[in-house]
């Protein structure tokens, strides 16, 4: 995990043969449905951001698609998926990348509100939802700079 991002406690499984000859998922990313799940999560999140009076001004790009792609790549990598984020952008350096924006309690809470809505829409099983939400809360608080 990147040293400048909050750590998650991730319910992991071990790769063992299943009765059907398939294998059990080995990462959180695989266990929750992989790319399709993270795509749904990020799409739902940015649908909220687009209409949020606190969040939308923090995204200078008219098109939110590039920001959505970056968040999706980061989350996928963090939760055990492809390392596309690091391959394309290097170390996440989350605090540095967010430094140009004033992020106080109001902004943190708006981000969490948008993310909670997105997570509710995706509806992960309870233990995965809990682990991801705890990470989102820590990450949002970690980004505060004001």
N, C-alpha and C. Protein backbone atom coordinates (compact mmCIF):
# COMPACT_ATOMS: atom_id res chain seq x y z
N UNK A 1 0.83 -1.18 0.00
CA UNK A 1 0.00 0.00 0.00
C UNK A 1 0.88 1.25 0.00
N UNK A 2 0.43 2.29 -0.65
CA UNK A 2 1.18 3.54 -0.62
C UNK A 2 1.31 4.04 0.80
N UNK A 3 2.45 4.60 1.13
CA UNK A 3 2.69 5.05 2.49
C UNK A 3 1.88 6.28 2.86
N UNK A 4 1.37 7.01 1.91
CA UNK A 4 0.62 8.22 2.25
C UNK A 4 -0.89 8.02 2.16
N UNK A 5 -1.33 6.78 2.20
CA UNK A 5 -2.77 6.55 2.21
C UNK A 5 -3.13 5.70 3.41
N UNK A 6 -4.34 5.92 3.96
CA UNK A 6 -4.76 5.16 5.12
C UNK A 6 -4.86 3.68 4.77
N UNK A 7 -4.53 2.84 5.70
CA UNK A 7 -4.54 1.39 5.48
C UNK A 7 -5.95 0.84 5.71
N UNK A 8 -6.28 -0.18 4.99
CA UNK A 8 -7.57 -0.84 5.16
C UNK A 8 -7.36 -2.19 5.83
N UNK A 9 -8.33 -2.59 6.60
CA UNK A 9 -8.37 -3.95 7.09
C UNK A 9 -9.28 -4.67 6.12
N UNK A 10 -8.71 -5.52 5.31
CA UNK A 10 -9.45 -6.13 4.21
C UNK A 10 -9.72 -7.59 4.50
N UNK A 11 -11.00 -7.99 4.47
CA UNK A 11 -11.29 -9.41 4.64
C UNK A 11 -10.78 -10.17 3.41
N UNK A 12 -9.77 -10.96 3.59
CA UNK A 12 -9.17 -11.69 2.47
C UNK A 12 -9.54 -13.16 2.57
N UNK A 13 -9.49 -13.81 1.45
CA UNK A 13 -9.68 -15.25 1.42
C UNK A 13 -8.43 -15.85 0.81
N UNK A 14 -8.23 -17.11 1.00
CA UNK A 14 -7.08 -17.76 0.38
C UNK A 14 -7.54 -18.50 -0.86
N UNK A 15 -6.63 -18.65 -1.80
CA UNK A 15 -6.97 -19.31 -3.06
C UNK A 15 -6.94 -20.82 -2.81
N UNK A 16 -8.10 -21.41 -2.81
CA UNK A 16 -8.22 -22.85 -2.62
C UNK A 16 -9.15 -23.41 -3.68
N UNK A 17 -8.95 -24.64 -4.07
CA UNK A 17 -9.86 -25.22 -5.06
C UNK A 17 -11.27 -25.31 -4.49
N UNK A 18 -12.23 -24.90 -5.26
CA UNK A 18 -13.63 -25.03 -4.88
C UNK A 18 -14.14 -26.36 -5.43
N UNK A 19 -15.24 -26.86 -4.92
CA UNK A 19 -15.75 -28.15 -5.38
C UNK A 19 -15.95 -28.23 -6.89
N UNK A 20 -16.24 -27.13 -7.53
CA UNK A 20 -16.49 -27.13 -8.97
C UNK A 20 -15.22 -27.01 -9.78
N UNK A 21 -14.06 -26.96 -9.12
CA UNK A 21 -12.80 -26.78 -9.82
C UNK A 21 -12.42 -25.32 -9.97
N UNK A 22 -13.31 -24.42 -9.57
CA UNK A 22 -13.00 -23.00 -9.60
C UNK A 22 -12.20 -22.65 -8.37
N UNK A 23 -11.68 -21.45 -8.32
CA UNK A 23 -10.95 -21.02 -7.13
C UNK A 23 -11.70 -19.92 -6.42
N UNK A 24 -11.47 -19.83 -5.14
CA UNK A 24 -12.07 -18.80 -4.31
C UNK A 24 -11.30 -17.50 -4.56
N UNK A 25 -11.98 -16.36 -4.60
CA UNK A 25 -11.27 -15.08 -4.80
C UNK A 25 -10.17 -14.89 -3.76
N UNK A 26 -9.08 -14.27 -4.16
CA UNK A 26 -7.96 -14.07 -3.26
C UNK A 26 -7.85 -12.64 -2.77
N UNK A 27 -8.53 -11.71 -3.38
CA UNK A 27 -8.44 -10.31 -2.96
C UNK A 27 -9.84 -9.75 -2.76
N UNK A 28 -9.88 -8.67 -2.04
CA UNK A 28 -11.12 -7.93 -1.85
C UNK A 28 -11.69 -7.57 -3.22
N UNK A 29 -10.83 -7.07 -4.10
CA UNK A 29 -11.22 -6.68 -5.45
C UNK A 29 -11.97 -7.81 -6.15
N UNK A 30 -11.42 -9.01 -6.14
CA UNK A 30 -12.08 -10.14 -6.77
C UNK A 30 -13.36 -10.54 -6.05
N UNK A 31 -13.31 -10.52 -4.72
CA UNK A 31 -14.45 -10.96 -3.92
C UNK A 31 -15.69 -10.09 -4.14
N UNK A 32 -15.49 -8.81 -4.42
CA UNK A 32 -16.65 -7.92 -4.58
C UNK A 32 -17.11 -7.80 -6.03
N UNK A 33 -16.42 -8.47 -6.94
CA UNK A 33 -16.89 -8.45 -8.33
C UNK A 33 -15.95 -7.77 -9.30
N UNK A 34 -14.78 -7.37 -8.85
CA UNK A 34 -13.76 -6.83 -9.75
C UNK A 34 -14.14 -5.54 -10.43
N UNK A 35 -13.67 -5.40 -11.66
CA UNK A 35 -13.81 -4.14 -12.40
C UNK A 35 -15.26 -3.66 -12.50
N UNK A 36 -16.18 -4.57 -12.74
CA UNK A 36 -17.59 -4.16 -12.89
C UNK A 36 -18.10 -3.46 -11.63
N UNK A 37 -17.75 -3.97 -10.48
CA UNK A 37 -18.20 -3.36 -9.22
C UNK A 37 -17.58 -1.98 -9.02
N UNK A 38 -16.29 -1.87 -9.27
CA UNK A 38 -15.64 -0.57 -9.08
C UNK A 38 -16.12 0.44 -10.12
N UNK A 39 -16.44 -0.02 -11.30
CA UNK A 39 -17.01 0.87 -12.31
C UNK A 39 -18.37 1.39 -11.85
N UNK A 40 -19.20 0.51 -11.33
CA UNK A 40 -20.53 0.93 -10.82
C UNK A 40 -20.37 1.91 -9.66
N UNK A 41 -19.44 1.62 -8.75
CA UNK A 41 -19.23 2.48 -7.60
C UNK A 41 -18.82 3.88 -8.02
N UNK A 42 -17.84 3.97 -8.89
CA UNK A 42 -17.32 5.27 -9.31
C UNK A 42 -18.34 6.02 -10.16
N UNK A 43 -19.06 5.32 -11.00
CA UNK A 43 -20.11 5.95 -11.80
C UNK A 43 -21.18 6.55 -10.88
N UNK A 44 -21.60 5.79 -9.88
CA UNK A 44 -22.62 6.28 -8.94
C UNK A 44 -22.08 7.46 -8.13
N UNK A 45 -20.81 7.40 -7.74
CA UNK A 45 -20.20 8.49 -6.98
C UNK A 45 -20.19 9.77 -7.80
N UNK A 46 -19.73 9.70 -9.03
CA UNK A 46 -19.63 10.93 -9.83
C UNK A 46 -20.99 11.43 -10.29
N UNK A 47 -21.99 10.59 -10.32
CA UNK A 47 -23.35 11.07 -10.58
C UNK A 47 -23.78 12.00 -9.44
N UNK A 48 -23.36 11.67 -8.21
CA UNK A 48 -23.65 12.53 -7.06
C UNK A 48 -22.82 13.80 -7.10
N UNK A 49 -21.54 13.66 -7.40
CA UNK A 49 -20.63 14.81 -7.45
C UNK A 49 -21.12 15.84 -8.46
N UNK A 50 -21.60 15.38 -9.58
CA UNK A 50 -22.03 16.28 -10.66
C UNK A 50 -23.08 17.28 -10.21
N UNK A 51 -23.90 16.89 -9.25
CA UNK A 51 -24.98 17.76 -8.78
C UNK A 51 -24.76 18.33 -7.39
N UNK A 52 -23.60 18.08 -6.81
CA UNK A 52 -23.36 18.51 -5.44
C UNK A 52 -22.74 19.91 -5.42
N UNK A 53 -23.37 20.86 -4.73
CA UNK A 53 -22.87 22.23 -4.75
C UNK A 53 -21.52 22.42 -4.03
N UNK A 54 -21.15 21.51 -3.17
CA UNK A 54 -19.85 21.58 -2.49
C UNK A 54 -18.78 20.85 -3.29
N UNK A 55 -19.12 19.68 -3.78
CA UNK A 55 -18.13 18.85 -4.48
C UNK A 55 -17.83 19.30 -5.90
N UNK A 56 -18.84 19.66 -6.66
CA UNK A 56 -18.63 19.94 -8.09
C UNK A 56 -17.59 21.03 -8.34
N UNK A 57 -17.56 22.12 -7.56
CA UNK A 57 -16.55 23.16 -7.81
C UNK A 57 -15.11 22.67 -7.57
N UNK A 58 -14.95 21.55 -6.89
CA UNK A 58 -13.60 21.03 -6.62
C UNK A 58 -13.03 20.28 -7.82
N UNK A 59 -13.83 20.10 -8.84
CA UNK A 59 -13.40 19.39 -10.05
C UNK A 59 -13.36 20.40 -11.19
N UNK A 60 -12.19 20.93 -11.49
CA UNK A 60 -12.09 22.00 -12.49
C UNK A 60 -12.41 21.53 -13.92
N UNK A 61 -12.29 20.25 -14.18
CA UNK A 61 -12.59 19.76 -15.53
C UNK A 61 -14.09 19.78 -15.76
N UNK A 62 -14.50 20.23 -16.93
CA UNK A 62 -15.92 20.23 -17.26
C UNK A 62 -16.44 18.80 -17.31
N UNK A 63 -15.64 17.92 -17.90
CA UNK A 63 -15.98 16.51 -18.02
C UNK A 63 -15.41 15.76 -16.81
N UNK A 64 -16.27 15.09 -16.05
CA UNK A 64 -15.82 14.37 -14.87
C UNK A 64 -15.21 13.00 -15.20
N UNK A 65 -15.26 12.58 -16.45
CA UNK A 65 -14.77 11.26 -16.83
C UNK A 65 -13.29 11.03 -16.48
N UNK A 66 -12.39 11.99 -16.72
CA UNK A 66 -10.99 11.75 -16.32
C UNK A 66 -10.83 11.56 -14.81
N UNK A 67 -11.55 12.34 -14.02
CA UNK A 67 -11.48 12.18 -12.57
C UNK A 67 -12.04 10.83 -12.15
N UNK A 68 -13.12 10.43 -12.79
CA UNK A 68 -13.72 9.13 -12.49
C UNK A 68 -12.75 8.00 -12.81
N UNK A 69 -12.08 8.10 -13.92
CA UNK A 69 -11.12 7.07 -14.30
C UNK A 69 -9.99 6.98 -13.28
N UNK A 70 -9.50 8.12 -12.83
CA UNK A 70 -8.40 8.13 -11.85
C UNK A 70 -8.85 7.50 -10.53
N UNK A 71 -10.04 7.86 -10.06
CA UNK A 71 -10.54 7.28 -8.81
C UNK A 71 -10.73 5.78 -8.95
N UNK A 72 -11.30 5.37 -10.06
CA UNK A 72 -11.52 3.93 -10.27
C UNK A 72 -10.19 3.19 -10.27
N UNK A 73 -9.20 3.69 -10.99
CA UNK A 73 -7.90 3.03 -11.02
C UNK A 73 -7.29 2.97 -9.63
N UNK A 74 -7.39 4.06 -8.87
CA UNK A 74 -6.83 4.08 -7.53
C UNK A 74 -7.52 3.04 -6.64
N UNK A 75 -8.85 3.06 -6.62
CA UNK A 75 -9.57 2.12 -5.77
C UNK A 75 -9.32 0.68 -6.17
N UNK A 76 -9.29 0.41 -7.45
CA UNK A 76 -9.01 -0.96 -7.90
C UNK A 76 -7.64 -1.41 -7.39
N UNK A 77 -6.65 -0.57 -7.53
CA UNK A 77 -5.31 -0.93 -7.09
C UNK A 77 -5.28 -1.11 -5.57
N UNK A 78 -5.88 -0.19 -4.86
CA UNK A 78 -5.87 -0.24 -3.40
C UNK A 78 -6.48 -1.55 -2.89
N UNK A 79 -7.56 -1.98 -3.53
CA UNK A 79 -8.29 -3.15 -3.05
C UNK A 79 -7.81 -4.46 -3.69
N UNK A 80 -6.67 -4.44 -4.35
CA UNK A 80 -6.08 -5.69 -4.81
C UNK A 80 -6.26 -5.98 -6.28
N UNK A 81 -6.72 -5.01 -7.06
CA UNK A 81 -6.90 -5.20 -8.50
C UNK A 81 -5.68 -4.76 -9.28
N UNK A 82 -5.86 -4.45 -10.54
CA UNK A 82 -4.75 -4.07 -11.41
C UNK A 82 -3.99 -2.84 -10.87
N UNK A 83 -2.73 -2.75 -11.21
CA UNK A 83 -1.89 -1.63 -10.77
C UNK A 83 -1.79 -0.54 -11.84
N UNK A 84 -2.86 -0.37 -12.57
CA UNK A 84 -2.89 0.61 -13.65
C UNK A 84 -2.63 2.02 -13.14
N UNK A 85 -3.15 2.34 -11.96
CA UNK A 85 -2.95 3.68 -11.43
C UNK A 85 -1.45 3.99 -11.33
N UNK A 86 -0.71 3.14 -10.65
CA UNK A 86 0.72 3.37 -10.47
C UNK A 86 1.48 3.31 -11.78
N UNK A 87 1.06 2.43 -12.67
CA UNK A 87 1.73 2.32 -13.97
C UNK A 87 1.58 3.61 -14.78
N UNK A 88 0.41 4.23 -14.70
CA UNK A 88 0.15 5.43 -15.48
C UNK A 88 0.51 6.73 -14.75
N UNK A 89 0.35 6.75 -13.45
CA UNK A 89 0.48 8.02 -12.71
C UNK A 89 1.57 8.00 -11.65
N UNK A 90 2.19 6.87 -11.41
CA UNK A 90 3.20 6.79 -10.36
C UNK A 90 2.56 6.60 -9.00
N UNK A 91 3.33 6.90 -7.97
CA UNK A 91 2.85 6.78 -6.60
C UNK A 91 1.60 7.63 -6.41
N UNK A 92 0.59 7.14 -5.70
CA UNK A 92 -0.64 7.93 -5.55
C UNK A 92 -0.46 9.31 -4.93
N UNK A 93 0.40 9.47 -3.97
CA UNK A 93 0.64 10.78 -3.35
C UNK A 93 -0.68 11.55 -3.14
N UNK A 94 -1.58 10.90 -2.45
CA UNK A 94 -2.93 11.45 -2.30
C UNK A 94 -2.96 12.86 -1.72
N UNK A 95 -2.24 13.08 -0.65
CA UNK A 95 -2.29 14.41 -0.03
C UNK A 95 -1.72 15.47 -0.98
N UNK A 96 -0.64 15.15 -1.65
CA UNK A 96 -0.04 16.11 -2.58
C UNK A 96 -1.01 16.43 -3.73
N UNK A 97 -1.63 15.42 -4.27
CA UNK A 97 -2.54 15.63 -5.41
C UNK A 97 -3.78 16.42 -5.01
N UNK A 98 -4.15 16.36 -3.74
CA UNK A 98 -5.33 17.09 -3.28
C UNK A 98 -4.99 18.43 -2.63
N UNK A 99 -3.71 18.72 -2.48
CA UNK A 99 -3.27 19.95 -1.81
C UNK A 99 -3.82 21.24 -2.43
N UNK A 100 -4.00 21.32 -3.75
CA UNK A 100 -4.51 22.58 -4.31
C UNK A 100 -5.95 22.91 -3.89
N UNK A 101 -6.65 21.95 -3.30
CA UNK A 101 -8.05 22.15 -2.94
C UNK A 101 -8.18 22.30 -1.43
N UNK A 102 -9.01 23.22 -1.00
CA UNK A 102 -9.30 23.37 0.41
C UNK A 102 -10.26 22.27 0.80
N UNK A 103 -9.79 21.41 1.69
CA UNK A 103 -10.62 20.29 2.13
C UNK A 103 -10.74 20.36 3.64
N UNK A 104 -11.88 20.84 4.07
CA UNK A 104 -12.19 20.92 5.49
C UNK A 104 -13.26 19.91 5.84
N UNK A 105 -13.86 20.09 6.99
CA UNK A 105 -14.91 19.18 7.44
C UNK A 105 -16.08 19.18 6.47
N UNK A 106 -16.46 20.35 6.00
CA UNK A 106 -17.59 20.48 5.07
C UNK A 106 -17.35 19.68 3.79
N UNK A 107 -16.16 19.80 3.22
CA UNK A 107 -15.81 19.10 1.98
C UNK A 107 -15.69 17.59 2.23
N UNK A 108 -15.06 17.24 3.35
CA UNK A 108 -14.96 15.82 3.70
C UNK A 108 -16.34 15.20 3.82
N UNK A 109 -17.24 15.88 4.53
CA UNK A 109 -18.58 15.34 4.73
C UNK A 109 -19.36 15.24 3.42
N UNK A 110 -19.16 16.21 2.52
CA UNK A 110 -19.82 16.16 1.21
C UNK A 110 -19.31 14.96 0.41
N UNK A 111 -17.99 14.75 0.44
CA UNK A 111 -17.39 13.61 -0.27
C UNK A 111 -17.95 12.30 0.28
N UNK A 112 -18.00 12.21 1.61
CA UNK A 112 -18.53 10.99 2.23
C UNK A 112 -20.00 10.79 1.90
N UNK A 113 -20.76 11.86 1.86
CA UNK A 113 -22.19 11.75 1.52
C UNK A 113 -22.35 11.18 0.10
N UNK A 114 -21.57 11.70 -0.84
CA UNK A 114 -21.62 11.19 -2.22
C UNK A 114 -21.17 9.74 -2.28
N UNK A 115 -20.11 9.40 -1.54
CA UNK A 115 -19.60 8.03 -1.57
C UNK A 115 -20.56 7.07 -0.88
N UNK A 116 -21.18 7.51 0.22
CA UNK A 116 -22.14 6.61 0.90
C UNK A 116 -23.30 6.28 -0.04
N UNK A 117 -23.78 7.29 -0.73
CA UNK A 117 -24.86 7.06 -1.69
C UNK A 117 -24.42 6.05 -2.75
N UNK A 118 -23.22 6.22 -3.26
CA UNK A 118 -22.70 5.30 -4.28
C UNK A 118 -22.55 3.88 -3.73
N UNK A 119 -22.03 3.76 -2.52
CA UNK A 119 -21.87 2.44 -1.93
C UNK A 119 -23.22 1.79 -1.66
N UNK A 120 -24.20 2.57 -1.25
CA UNK A 120 -25.54 2.02 -1.05
C UNK A 120 -26.12 1.52 -2.36
N UNK A 121 -25.83 2.23 -3.44
CA UNK A 121 -26.32 1.81 -4.75
C UNK A 121 -25.67 0.49 -5.18
N UNK A 122 -24.39 0.34 -4.91
CA UNK A 122 -23.67 -0.88 -5.28
C UNK A 122 -24.07 -2.05 -4.38
N UNK A 123 -24.36 -1.79 -3.13
CA UNK A 123 -24.88 -2.78 -2.18
C UNK A 123 -23.97 -4.01 -2.04
N UNK A 124 -22.76 -3.77 -1.56
CA UNK A 124 -21.84 -4.88 -1.29
C UNK A 124 -22.36 -5.70 -0.12
N UNK A 125 -21.96 -6.97 -0.02
CA UNK A 125 -22.28 -7.73 1.18
C UNK A 125 -21.76 -6.99 2.42
N UNK A 126 -22.43 -7.18 3.53
CA UNK A 126 -22.18 -6.37 4.73
C UNK A 126 -20.72 -6.30 5.15
N UNK A 127 -20.00 -7.43 5.18
CA UNK A 127 -18.62 -7.37 5.67
C UNK A 127 -17.72 -6.58 4.73
N UNK A 128 -18.00 -6.62 3.44
CA UNK A 128 -17.20 -5.85 2.48
C UNK A 128 -17.59 -4.38 2.52
N UNK A 129 -18.88 -4.11 2.65
CA UNK A 129 -19.33 -2.73 2.78
C UNK A 129 -18.69 -2.08 4.01
N UNK A 130 -18.68 -2.80 5.10
CA UNK A 130 -18.11 -2.26 6.35
C UNK A 130 -16.63 -1.95 6.17
N UNK A 131 -15.87 -2.87 5.61
CA UNK A 131 -14.43 -2.65 5.42
C UNK A 131 -14.18 -1.47 4.48
N UNK A 132 -14.94 -1.41 3.38
CA UNK A 132 -14.73 -0.33 2.43
C UNK A 132 -15.15 1.01 3.04
N UNK A 133 -16.26 1.04 3.74
CA UNK A 133 -16.72 2.29 4.33
C UNK A 133 -15.74 2.80 5.38
N UNK A 134 -15.20 1.91 6.19
CA UNK A 134 -14.21 2.34 7.17
C UNK A 134 -13.00 2.95 6.48
N UNK A 135 -12.58 2.36 5.37
CA UNK A 135 -11.48 2.94 4.60
C UNK A 135 -11.87 4.32 4.06
N UNK A 136 -13.06 4.44 3.48
CA UNK A 136 -13.50 5.71 2.90
C UNK A 136 -13.53 6.80 3.96
N UNK A 137 -13.99 6.47 5.16
CA UNK A 137 -14.00 7.47 6.23
C UNK A 137 -12.57 7.90 6.60
N UNK A 138 -11.68 6.94 6.74
CA UNK A 138 -10.29 7.28 7.07
C UNK A 138 -9.64 8.10 5.95
N UNK A 139 -9.87 7.67 4.71
CA UNK A 139 -9.28 8.36 3.56
C UNK A 139 -9.79 9.79 3.48
N UNK A 140 -11.09 9.98 3.63
CA UNK A 140 -11.68 11.32 3.56
C UNK A 140 -11.11 12.22 4.66
N UNK A 141 -10.96 11.69 5.84
CA UNK A 141 -10.41 12.48 6.93
C UNK A 141 -8.93 12.78 6.69
N UNK A 142 -8.22 11.83 6.12
CA UNK A 142 -6.80 11.98 5.80
C UNK A 142 -6.56 13.12 4.80
N UNK A 143 -7.51 13.36 3.93
CA UNK A 143 -7.36 14.39 2.90
C UNK A 143 -7.57 15.80 3.44
N UNK A 144 -8.12 15.92 4.65
CA UNK A 144 -8.37 17.26 5.20
C UNK A 144 -7.08 18.04 5.31
N UNK A 145 -7.15 19.28 4.86
CA UNK A 145 -5.99 20.18 4.93
C UNK A 145 -6.39 21.57 5.45
N UNK A 146 -7.61 21.69 5.89
CA UNK A 146 -8.07 22.99 6.40
C UNK A 146 -8.99 22.78 7.60
